[in-house]
Amino acid sequence: MSTAPAVLRMVELSGAEALWLLEGSALGRLVYGRGDLTVVRPGRHRWEYGRLVVRAPAPAAAVPATATYQVDEVRAATGTGWSVTVAGPVDVITDPDEAAHYRRTLGGWSHGPHDTLLRLHPKTVSGFRLARAET
């Protein structure tokens, strides 16, 4: 006897819940436009003082003045989980002491010119939860 597939629904998150999920995660994706292309790079992040600090393998000069960062956790077996997106202006962390601190505390994928530390100042925070529909 087979069972019917679960019916899933998408539920919008409050801003507070989206930030709580973001704070509890460490990996995401930095997304930005470059010419006609959309660039997506893996990133490690930390939420501090109302801003998101991101370490990503992207050339600092290529990242525009605004960017988006997306984090999720989706369970393949059930199709349930969540996704959070933060967007806003970014600035490159150039202070040597501050950069050294984040390079020690946020793991990276590359070192050198493509190892960039950014501070994203969120203008929008949104998210949704993927859940089983109640029947």
C-alpha atoms as a PDB file:
ATOM      1  CA  MET A   1       0.000   0.000   0.000  1.00  0.00           C
ATOM      2  CA  SER A   2       1.493   3.361  -0.973  1.00  0.00           C
ATOM      3  CA  THR A   3       0.790   6.638   0.739  1.00  0.00           C
ATOM      4  CA  ALA A   4      -0.124   9.867  -0.988  1.00  0.00           C
ATOM      5  CA  PRO A   5       2.672  12.434  -1.236  1.00  0.00           C
ATOM      6  CA  ALA A   6       2.593  15.118   1.442  1.00  0.00           C
ATOM      7  CA  VAL A   7       1.016  18.412   0.492  1.00  0.00           C
ATOM      8  CA  LEU A   8       3.418  21.225   1.254  1.00  0.00           C
ATOM      9  CA  ARG A   9       2.768  24.901   1.771  1.00  0.00           C
ATOM     10  CA  MET A  10       4.919  27.997   1.963  1.00  0.00           C
ATOM     11  CA  VAL A  11       4.424  30.239   5.004  1.00  0.00           C
ATOM     12  CA  GLU A  12       5.890  33.742   5.152  1.00  0.00           C
ATOM     13  CA  LEU A  13       8.135  34.401   8.167  1.00  0.00           C
ATOM     14  CA  SER A  14       8.027  37.437  10.402  1.00  0.00           C
ATOM     15  CA  GLY A  15      11.142  39.611  10.323  1.00  0.00           C
ATOM     16  CA  ALA A  16      12.063  38.507  13.854  1.00  0.00           C
ATOM     17  CA  GLU A  17      11.851  34.803  12.980  1.00  0.00           C
ATOM     18  CA  ALA A  18      13.823  35.341   9.758  1.00  0.00           C
ATOM     19  CA  LEU A  19      16.617  37.054  11.705  1.00  0.00           C
ATOM     20  CA  TRP A  20      16.581  34.301  14.339  1.00  0.00           C
ATOM     21  CA  LEU A  21      17.079  31.660  11.630  1.00  0.00           C
ATOM     22  CA  LEU A  22      19.793  33.748   9.968  1.00  0.00           C
ATOM     23  CA  GLU A  23      21.660  34.146  13.265  1.00  0.00           C
ATOM     24  CA  GLY A  24      21.534  30.394  13.865  1.00  0.00           C
ATOM     25  CA  SER A  25      23.148  29.527  10.548  1.00  0.00           C
ATOM     26  CA  ALA A  26      26.658  30.010   9.213  1.00  0.00           C
ATOM     27  CA  LEU A  27      26.586  29.317   5.463  1.00  0.00           C
ATOM     28  CA  GLY A  28      24.768  31.088   2.663  1.00  0.00           C
ATOM     29  CA  ARG A  29      25.126  32.662  -0.769  1.00  0.00           C
ATOM     30  CA  LEU A  30      26.152  36.172  -1.756  1.00  0.00           C
ATOM     31  CA  VAL A  31      24.192  37.276  -4.830  1.00  0.00           C
ATOM     32  CA  TYR A  32      24.901  40.360  -6.935  1.00  0.00           C
ATOM     33  CA  GLY A  33      24.643  41.616 -10.493  1.00  0.00           C
ATOM     34  CA  ARG A  34      27.666  42.106 -12.710  1.00  0.00           C
ATOM     35  CA  GLY A  35      26.816  43.367 -16.154  1.00  0.00           C
ATOM     36  CA  ASP A  36      24.168  41.088 -17.635  1.00  0.00           C
ATOM     37  CA  LEU A  37      25.036  38.255 -15.247  1.00  0.00           C
ATOM     38  CA  THR A  38      23.845  37.304 -11.792  1.00  0.00           C
ATOM     39  CA  VAL A  39      26.796  36.178  -9.687  1.00  0.00           C
ATOM     40  CA  VAL A  40      26.265  33.696  -6.835  1.00  0.00           C
ATOM     41  CA  ARG A  41      29.120  32.915  -4.435  1.00  0.00           C
ATOM     42  CA  PRO A  42      29.167  30.767  -1.298  1.00  0.00           C
ATOM     43  CA  GLY A  43      29.611  32.729   1.886  1.00  0.00           C
ATOM     44  CA  ARG A  44      30.083  32.376   5.609  1.00  0.00           C
ATOM     45  CA  HIS A  45      28.405  34.968   7.755  1.00  0.00           C
ATOM     46  CA  ARG A  46      27.867  36.367  11.218  1.00  0.00           C
ATOM     47  CA  TRP A  47      25.084  38.689  12.383  1.00  0.00           C
ATOM     48  CA  GLU A  48      26.527  41.480  14.523  1.00  0.00           C
ATOM     49  CA  TYR A  49      25.103  44.792  15.700  1.00  0.00           C
ATOM     50  CA  GLY A  50      22.252  44.781  13.180  1.00  0.00           C
ATOM     51  CA  ARG A  51      24.517  44.058  10.234  1.00  0.00           C
ATOM     52  CA  LEU A  52      25.591  40.931   8.408  1.00  0.00           C
ATOM     53  CA  VAL A  53      29.326  40.319   8.045  1.00  0.00           C
ATOM     54  CA  VAL A  54      30.007  38.044   5.048  1.00  0.00           C
ATOM     55  CA  ARG A  55      33.207  36.339   3.892  1.00  0.00           C
ATOM     56  CA  ALA A  56      32.951  35.208   0.281  1.00  0.00           C
ATOM     57  CA  PRO A  57      35.279  34.246  -2.590  1.00  0.00           C
ATOM     58  CA  ALA A  58      34.475  37.270  -4.732  1.00  0.00           C
ATOM     59  CA  PRO A  59      36.747  40.102  -5.871  1.00  0.00           C
ATOM     60  CA  ALA A  60      35.923  43.155  -3.743  1.00  0.00           C
ATOM     61  CA  ALA A  61      35.981  45.430  -6.782  1.00  0.00           C
ATOM     62  CA  ALA A  62      33.317  43.297  -8.502  1.00  0.00           C
ATOM     63  CA  VAL A  63      30.741  43.564  -5.718  1.00  0.00           C
ATOM     64  CA  PRO A  64      28.390  46.506  -6.359  1.00  0.00           C
ATOM     65  CA  ALA A  65      27.118  48.948  -3.740  1.00  0.00           C
ATOM     66  CA  THR A  66      24.095  46.729  -2.983  1.00  0.00           C
ATOM     67  CA  ALA A  67      23.863  42.953  -2.734  1.00  0.00           C
ATOM     68  CA  THR A  68      21.664  40.142  -1.526  1.00  0.00           C
ATOM     69  CA  TYR A  69      22.512  37.293   0.822  1.00  0.00           C
ATOM     70  CA  GLN A  70      20.421  34.134   0.965  1.00  0.00           C
ATOM     71  CA  VAL A  71      20.447  31.361   3.576  1.00  0.00           C
ATOM     72  CA  ASP A  72      18.336  28.230   3.686  1.00  0.00           C
ATOM     73  CA  GLU A  73      17.906  24.801   5.164  1.00  0.00           C
ATOM     74  CA  VAL A  74      15.711  22.420   3.193  1.00  0.00           C
ATOM     75  CA  ARG A  75      15.402  18.734   4.035  1.00  0.00           C
ATOM     76  CA  ALA A  76      15.420  16.772   0.790  1.00  0.00           C
ATOM     77  CA  ALA A  77      13.531  13.782   2.215  1.00  0.00           C
ATOM     78  CA  THR A  78      10.529  15.803   3.384  1.00  0.00           C
ATOM     79  CA  GLY A  79      10.718  19.011   1.341  1.00  0.00           C
ATOM     80  CA  THR A  80      10.370  21.004   4.547  1.00  0.00           C
ATOM     81  CA  GLY A  81      12.664  23.758   5.806  1.00  0.00           C
ATOM     82  CA  TRP A  82      13.111  27.498   5.466  1.00  0.00           C
ATOM     83  CA  SER A  83      14.759  30.240   3.424  1.00  0.00           C
ATOM     84  CA  VAL A  84      15.816  33.780   4.419  1.00  0.00           C
ATOM     85  CA  THR A  85      16.950  36.625   2.150  1.00  0.00           C
ATOM     86  CA  VAL A  86      18.636  39.857   3.261  1.00  0.00           C
ATOM     87  CA  ALA A  87      19.328  42.733   0.868  1.00  0.00           C
ATOM     88  CA  GLY A  88      20.889  46.152   1.189  1.00  0.00           C
ATOM     89  CA  PRO A  89      23.980  48.270   0.741  1.00  0.00           C
ATOM     90  CA  VAL A  90      27.372  46.678   1.346  1.00  0.00           C
ATOM     91  CA  ASP A  91      30.786  47.986   2.189  1.00  0.00           C
ATOM     92  CA  VAL A  92      34.097  46.179   2.073  1.00  0.00           C
ATOM     93  CA  ILE A  93      35.839  45.722   5.421  1.00  0.00           C
ATOM     94  CA  THR A  94      39.244  47.305   4.906  1.00  0.00           C
ATOM     95  CA  ASP A  95      40.447  47.980   8.460  1.00  0.00           C
ATOM     96  CA  PRO A  96      43.384  45.543   8.920  1.00  0.00           C
ATOM     97  CA  ASP A  97      42.578  44.654  12.543  1.00  0.00           C
ATOM     98  CA  GLU A  98      38.894  44.100  11.859  1.00  0.00           C
ATOM     99  CA  ALA A  99      39.666  42.082   8.723  1.00  0.00           C
ATOM    100  CA  ALA A 100      42.167  39.919  10.646  1.00  0.00           C
ATOM    101  CA  HIS A 101      39.518  39.234  13.301  1.00  0.00           C
ATOM    102  CA  TYR A 102      36.943  38.068  10.740  1.00  0.00           C
ATOM    103  CA  ARG A 103      39.490  36.001   8.824  1.00  0.00           C
ATOM    104  CA  ARG A 104      40.205  34.154  12.088  1.00  0.00           C
ATOM    105  CA  THR A 105      36.553  33.662  13.012  1.00  0.00           C
ATOM    106  CA  LEU A 106      34.899  33.114   9.608  1.00  0.00           C
ATOM    107  CA  GLY A 107      36.345  30.275   7.539  1.00  0.00           C
ATOM    108  CA  GLY A 108      36.912  30.973   3.863  1.00  0.00           C
ATOM    109  CA  TRP A 109      37.367  29.110   0.604  1.00  0.00           C
ATOM    110  CA  SER A 110      40.225  31.101  -0.881  1.00  0.00           C
ATOM    111  CA  HIS A 111      42.874  33.531   0.201  1.00  0.00           C
ATOM    112  CA  GLY A 112      44.217  36.469  -1.721  1.00  0.00           C
ATOM    113  CA  PRO A 113      42.428  38.907  -4.013  1.00  0.00           C
ATOM    114  CA  HIS A 114      39.183  36.888  -4.133  1.00  0.00           C
ATOM    115  CA  ASP A 115      38.820  36.572  -0.337  1.00  0.00           C
ATOM    116  CA  THR A 116      36.474  39.436   0.487  1.00  0.00           C
ATOM    117  CA  LEU A 117      34.940  40.579   3.755  1.00  0.00           C
ATOM    118  CA  LEU A 118      31.750  42.609   3.433  1.00  0.00           C
ATOM    119  CA  ARG A 119      29.333  44.283   5.793  1.00  0.00           C
ATOM    120  CA  LEU A 120      25.748  44.162   4.526  1.00  0.00           C
ATOM    121  CA  HIS A 121      23.385  46.774   5.989  1.00  0.00           C
ATOM    122  CA  PRO A 122      19.934  45.166   5.656  1.00  0.00           C
ATOM    123  CA  LYS A 123      17.173  47.221   4.084  1.00  0.00           C
ATOM    124  CA  THR A 124      14.954  44.183   3.561  1.00  0.00           C
ATOM    125  CA  VAL A 125      14.757  40.884   5.430  1.00  0.00           C
ATOM    126  CA  SER A 126      12.278  38.299   4.208  1.00  0.00           C
ATOM    127  CA  GLY A 127      11.789  34.600   4.448  1.00  0.00           C
ATOM    128  CA  PHE A 128       9.450  31.666   4.327  1.00  0.00           C
ATOM    129  CA  ARG A 129       9.044  28.280   5.880  1.00  0.00           C
ATOM    130  CA  LEU A 130       8.235  25.187   3.822  1.00  0.00           C
ATOM    131  CA  ALA A 131       5.842  23.094   5.899  1.00  0.00           C
ATOM    132  CA  ARG A 132       3.424  20.232   5.585  1.00  0.00           C
ATOM    133  CA  ALA A 133      -0.112  21.377   4.942  1.00  0.00           C
ATOM    134  CA  GLU A 134      -2.557  20.447   7.659  1.00  0.00           C
ATOM    135  CA  THR A 135      -5.230  18.113   6.338  1.00  0.00           C
END
